Amino acid sequence: MGVPAVTEPRPLAMSEPAGRRLLATTVLGSGMGFLDGTIANVALPHIGDDLGADLAGLQWV
C-alpha cells in the first residue's frame, strides 16, 4: 500500500458558483460588520444618557 500523493489545491475562480458564493459571503459579512458598528455608534450616546454613564462606563456596554 502506497501513500497517496498530495496535490496542490487549485485556485478558486470567480466564474465558478463556489467563487461567487465566497465573494457574496465576504461582502455580506463585511456589510454586517459595518452596520453593527454604525448602530453601536448611534446608540451609545442614548444608552449613556439612560444609564447616566460616562465614556469609561460606555466602553463596558
C-alpha atoms as a PDB file:
ATOM      1  CA  MET A   1       0.000   0.000   0.000  1.00  0.00           C
ATOM      2  CA  GLY A   2       1.447   3.297  -1.055  1.00  0.00           C
ATOM      3  CA  VAL A   3       0.969   6.704   0.435  1.00  0.00           C
ATOM      4  CA  PRO A   4      -1.488   8.787  -1.629  1.00  0.00           C
ATOM      5  CA  ALA A   5       0.051  11.712  -3.451  1.00  0.00           C
ATOM      6  CA  VAL A   6      -0.678  15.168  -2.061  1.00  0.00           C
ATOM      7  CA  THR A   7      -1.930  17.551  -4.703  1.00  0.00           C
ATOM      8  CA  GLU A   8      -1.936  21.325  -4.555  1.00  0.00           C
ATOM      9  CA  PRO A   9      -5.395  22.896  -4.295  1.00  0.00           C
ATOM     10  CA  ARG A  10      -6.414  24.749  -7.408  1.00  0.00           C
ATOM     11  CA  PRO A  11      -7.275  28.452  -7.187  1.00  0.00           C
ATOM     12  CA  LEU A  12     -10.909  29.396  -6.797  1.00  0.00           C
ATOM     13  CA  ALA A  13     -12.232  31.205  -9.876  1.00  0.00           C
ATOM     14  CA  MET A  14     -14.963  33.835  -9.674  1.00  0.00           C
ATOM     15  CA  SER A  15     -16.538  32.299 -12.776  1.00  0.00           C
ATOM     16  CA  GLU A  16     -17.463  29.233 -10.707  1.00  0.00           C
ATOM     17  CA  PRO A  17     -20.508  29.106  -8.395  1.00  0.00           C
ATOM     18  CA  ALA A  18     -18.301  28.456  -5.346  1.00  0.00           C
ATOM     19  CA  GLY A  19     -16.251  31.566  -6.135  1.00  0.00           C
ATOM     20  CA  ARG A  20     -19.351  33.727  -6.435  1.00  0.00           C
ATOM     21  CA  ARG A  21     -20.720  32.345  -3.147  1.00  0.00           C
ATOM     22  CA  LEU A  22     -17.434  33.120  -1.428  1.00  0.00           C
ATOM     23  CA  LEU A  23     -17.474  36.685  -2.728  1.00  0.00           C
ATOM     24  CA  ALA A  24     -21.126  37.190  -1.731  1.00  0.00           C
ATOM     25  CA  THR A  25     -20.468  35.792   1.749  1.00  0.00           C
ATOM     26  CA  THR A  26     -17.457  38.062   2.217  1.00  0.00           C
ATOM     27  CA  VAL A  27     -19.373  41.168   1.104  1.00  0.00           C
ATOM     28  CA  LEU A  28     -22.342  40.265   3.306  1.00  0.00           C
ATOM     29  CA  GLY A  29     -20.119  39.715   6.348  1.00  0.00           C
ATOM     30  CA  SER A  30     -18.320  42.998   5.782  1.00  0.00           C
ATOM     31  CA  GLY A  31     -21.629  44.835   5.413  1.00  0.00           C
ATOM     32  CA  MET A  32     -22.939  43.320   8.630  1.00  0.00           C
ATOM     33  CA  GLY A  33     -19.818  44.444  10.493  1.00  0.00           C
ATOM     34  CA  PHE A  34     -20.171  47.974   9.123  1.00  0.00           C
ATOM     35  CA  LEU A  35     -23.867  48.107  10.047  1.00  0.00           C
ATOM     36  CA  ASP A  36     -23.186  46.809  13.555  1.00  0.00           C
ATOM     37  CA  GLY A  37     -20.530  49.456  14.153  1.00  0.00           C
ATOM     38  CA  THR A  38     -22.803  52.197  12.852  1.00  0.00           C
ATOM     39  CA  ILE A  39     -25.712  51.136  15.037  1.00  0.00           C
ATOM     40  CA  ALA A  40     -23.491  50.965  18.117  1.00  0.00           C
ATOM     41  CA  ASN A  41     -22.045  54.438  17.498  1.00  0.00           C
ATOM     42  CA  VAL A  42     -25.506  55.936  17.035  1.00  0.00           C
ATOM     43  CA  ALA A  43     -26.973  54.188  20.096  1.00  0.00           C
ATOM     44  CA  LEU A  44     -24.152  54.735  22.609  1.00  0.00           C
ATOM     45  CA  PRO A  45     -24.949  58.387  23.447  1.00  0.00           C
ATOM     46  CA  HIS A  46     -28.583  57.473  24.156  1.00  0.00           C
ATOM     47  CA  ILE A  47     -27.558  54.475  26.238  1.00  0.00           C
ATOM     48  CA  GLY A  48     -25.162  56.691  28.193  1.00  0.00           C
ATOM     49  CA  ASP A  49     -27.932  59.210  28.881  1.00  0.00           C
ATOM     50  CA  ASP A  50     -30.326  56.494  30.077  1.00  0.00           C
ATOM     51  CA  LEU A  51     -27.760  54.835  32.330  1.00  0.00           C
ATOM     52  CA  GLY A  52     -26.034  58.010  33.466  1.00  0.00           C
ATOM     53  CA  ALA A  53     -22.725  56.583  32.261  1.00  0.00           C
ATOM     54  CA  ASP A  54     -19.646  58.423  31.061  1.00  0.00           C
ATOM     55  CA  LEU A  55     -17.335  57.317  28.261  1.00  0.00           C
ATOM     56  CA  ALA A  56     -15.434  54.911  30.515  1.00  0.00           C
ATOM     57  CA  GLY A  57     -18.704  53.274  31.555  1.00  0.00           C
ATOM     58  CA  LEU A  58     -19.911  53.035  27.974  1.00  0.00           C
ATOM     59  CA  GLN A  59     -16.795  51.132  26.969  1.00  0.00           C
ATOM     60  CA  TRP A  60     -18.134  48.239  29.042  1.00  0.00           C
ATOM     61  CA  VAL A  61     -21.545  48.287  27.356  1.00  0.00           C
END
